[in-house]
Amino acid sequence: MTERHITRAGQGGDRDVFEYALLRVVPRVERGECINAGVLVYCRAKAYVGARTHLDEARLLALDPAADVAGVRAALGAVERVCAGGAVAGQAAGDAAGRRFRWLIAPRSTVVQPGPVHTGLTTDPAGEAARLLDLLVR
């Protein structure tokens, strides 16, 4: 069991606010069924945006035996590249971390979709991404 703390305003200590959203794979949009396949994390104070992904192929194929697994992996990889920034981010290469995060969490009706945005406090946004992936995706 993990320990949870209640923090009142002004008692955050050295922790910074972060935002996160799950990445969901919806193989057949008309059915609305989905599996969690990744997490996006953004921390303005650290100018950090990152994604961690994990595709459970068996779960995906259980929802849709004809799912395009390679296409889903490519879409998840594209999200990771946009978060990384630089030349691999394509048109988003020059955008600030916050702008890349906001673009990635914009609602869309594709196979890979962002979920609602949640917030928390952290001292390590990259570590938080790994923790959330283990907690919510794997």
Protein backbone atom coordinates (compact mmCIF):
# COMPACT_ATOMS: atom_id res chain seq x y z
CA MET A 1 0.00 0.00 0.00
CA THR A 2 1.32 3.45 -0.83
CA GLU A 3 1.23 6.28 1.65
CA ARG A 4 -0.89 9.29 0.70
CA HIS A 5 -0.57 12.75 2.17
CA ILE A 6 -3.07 15.56 2.34
CA THR A 7 -1.36 18.87 1.61
CA ARG A 8 -2.97 22.16 2.43
CA ALA A 9 -2.34 25.34 0.44
CA GLY A 10 1.14 26.67 1.09
CA GLN A 11 2.39 23.38 2.53
CA GLY A 12 3.82 21.84 -0.63
CA GLY A 13 7.40 22.08 0.57
CA ASP A 14 9.83 21.46 -2.27
CA ARG A 15 7.25 19.67 -4.40
CA ASP A 16 5.93 21.15 -7.63
CA VAL A 17 2.49 20.91 -9.19
CA PHE A 18 2.25 18.52 -12.13
CA GLU A 19 -0.53 17.52 -14.50
CA TYR A 20 -1.07 14.13 -16.07
CA ALA A 21 -3.41 12.38 -18.47
CA LEU A 22 -3.75 8.76 -19.45
CA LEU A 23 -3.34 7.69 -23.06
CA ARG A 24 -6.13 5.33 -24.03
CA VAL A 25 -6.36 3.03 -26.99
CA VAL A 26 -9.88 2.83 -28.40
CA PRO A 27 -9.62 0.26 -31.20
CA ARG A 28 -13.26 0.61 -32.27
CA VAL A 29 -14.41 4.13 -31.50
CA GLU A 30 -18.06 3.22 -32.11
CA ARG A 31 -17.94 0.69 -29.23
CA GLY A 32 -16.23 3.03 -26.75
CA GLU A 33 -14.12 0.26 -25.19
CA CYS A 34 -10.56 1.21 -24.27
CA ILE A 35 -7.37 0.12 -22.58
CA ASN A 36 -4.83 2.37 -20.88
CA ALA A 37 -1.57 2.40 -22.83
CA GLY A 38 0.42 5.33 -21.48
CA VAL A 39 0.66 8.44 -19.39
CA LEU A 40 1.55 12.05 -20.21
CA VAL A 41 3.11 14.18 -17.46
CA TYR A 42 3.68 17.94 -17.48
CA CYS A 43 5.39 20.02 -14.78
CA ARG A 44 5.54 23.72 -15.58
CA ALA A 45 8.02 24.51 -12.77
CA LYS A 46 10.53 22.03 -14.21
CA ALA A 47 9.64 22.73 -17.89
CA TYR A 48 9.11 18.98 -18.18
CA VAL A 49 6.78 17.09 -20.46
CA GLY A 50 7.14 13.36 -20.86
CA ALA A 51 5.29 10.25 -21.87
CA ARG A 52 5.69 6.65 -20.85
CA THR A 53 3.83 4.00 -22.80
CA HIS A 54 3.16 0.29 -22.54
CA LEU A 55 0.90 -1.54 -24.98
CA ASP A 56 -0.61 -4.80 -23.75
CA GLU A 57 -1.09 -6.40 -27.15
CA ALA A 58 -3.19 -9.30 -25.79
CA ARG A 59 -5.67 -6.91 -24.15
CA LEU A 60 -5.88 -4.82 -27.32
CA LEU A 61 -6.56 -7.88 -29.47
CA ALA A 62 -9.17 -9.09 -26.95
CA LEU A 63 -11.12 -5.90 -27.64
CA ASP A 64 -10.57 -6.05 -31.38
CA PRO A 65 -8.87 -9.06 -33.00
CA ALA A 66 -8.36 -7.00 -36.17
CA ALA A 67 -6.68 -4.06 -34.37
CA ASP A 68 -3.73 -2.47 -36.14
CA VAL A 69 -1.11 -3.16 -33.45
CA ALA A 70 1.73 -1.66 -35.50
CA GLY A 71 -0.31 1.50 -36.10
CA VAL A 72 -1.11 1.86 -32.40
CA ARG A 73 2.57 1.38 -31.50
CA ALA A 74 3.48 4.04 -34.08
CA ALA A 75 0.95 6.50 -32.62
CA LEU A 76 2.24 5.92 -29.07
CA GLY A 77 5.81 6.39 -30.31
CA ALA A 78 4.80 9.68 -31.95
CA VAL A 79 3.47 10.94 -28.60
CA GLU A 80 6.77 10.06 -26.93
CA ARG A 81 8.69 11.90 -29.68
CA VAL A 82 6.56 15.05 -29.33
CA CYS A 83 7.20 15.01 -25.58
CA ALA A 84 10.95 14.60 -26.13
CA GLY A 85 11.06 17.71 -28.32
CA GLY A 86 13.96 18.46 -30.61
CA ALA A 87 14.19 17.30 -34.20
CA VAL A 88 12.27 14.04 -33.52
CA ALA A 89 9.20 16.08 -32.49
CA GLY A 90 8.53 17.25 -36.05
CA GLN A 91 6.54 20.48 -36.24
CA ALA A 92 6.35 20.65 -32.44
CA ALA A 93 10.15 20.75 -32.16
CA GLY A 94 10.33 24.44 -31.27
CA ASP A 95 7.30 24.51 -28.98
CA ALA A 96 7.62 24.92 -25.22
CA ALA A 97 6.85 21.93 -22.99
CA GLY A 98 3.46 23.33 -21.95
CA ARG A 99 2.35 23.91 -25.52
CA ARG A 100 3.31 20.34 -26.50
CA PHE A 101 1.38 18.96 -23.50
CA ARG A 102 -1.73 21.02 -24.29
CA TRP A 103 -1.63 19.86 -27.91
CA LEU A 104 -1.32 16.21 -26.85
CA ILE A 105 -4.23 16.37 -24.37
CA ALA A 106 -6.61 18.02 -26.84
CA PRO A 107 -9.69 15.80 -27.33
CA ARG A 108 -9.65 13.73 -30.49
CA SER A 109 -11.60 10.80 -31.89
CA THR A 110 -8.72 8.63 -33.05
CA VAL A 111 -7.58 5.22 -31.87
CA VAL A 112 -5.14 6.76 -29.34
CA GLN A 113 -6.93 9.32 -27.18
CA PRO A 114 -5.99 11.34 -24.09
CA GLY A 115 -8.09 10.99 -20.97
CA PRO A 116 -9.01 13.78 -18.55
CA VAL A 117 -6.23 15.82 -16.92
CA HIS A 118 -5.46 15.29 -13.23
CA THR A 119 -3.02 17.09 -10.93
CA GLY A 120 -0.63 16.27 -8.12
CA LEU A 121 2.57 17.32 -6.39
CA THR A 122 6.01 15.88 -7.09
CA THR A 123 9.72 16.45 -6.70
CA ASP A 124 10.51 14.26 -9.72
CA PRO A 125 8.21 14.54 -12.77
CA ALA A 126 10.05 11.83 -14.74
CA GLY A 127 9.81 9.48 -11.77
CA GLU A 128 6.14 10.35 -11.45
CA ALA A 129 5.59 9.32 -15.07
CA ALA A 130 7.16 5.92 -14.38
CA ARG A 131 5.15 5.51 -11.15
CA LEU A 132 1.87 6.39 -12.87
CA LEU A 133 2.61 4.00 -15.72
CA ASP A 134 3.07 1.15 -13.25
CA LEU A 135 0.02 2.16 -11.21
CA LEU A 136 -2.47 2.92 -13.98
CA VAL A 137 -1.33 1.13 -17.12
CA ARG A 138 0.58 -2.08 -16.39
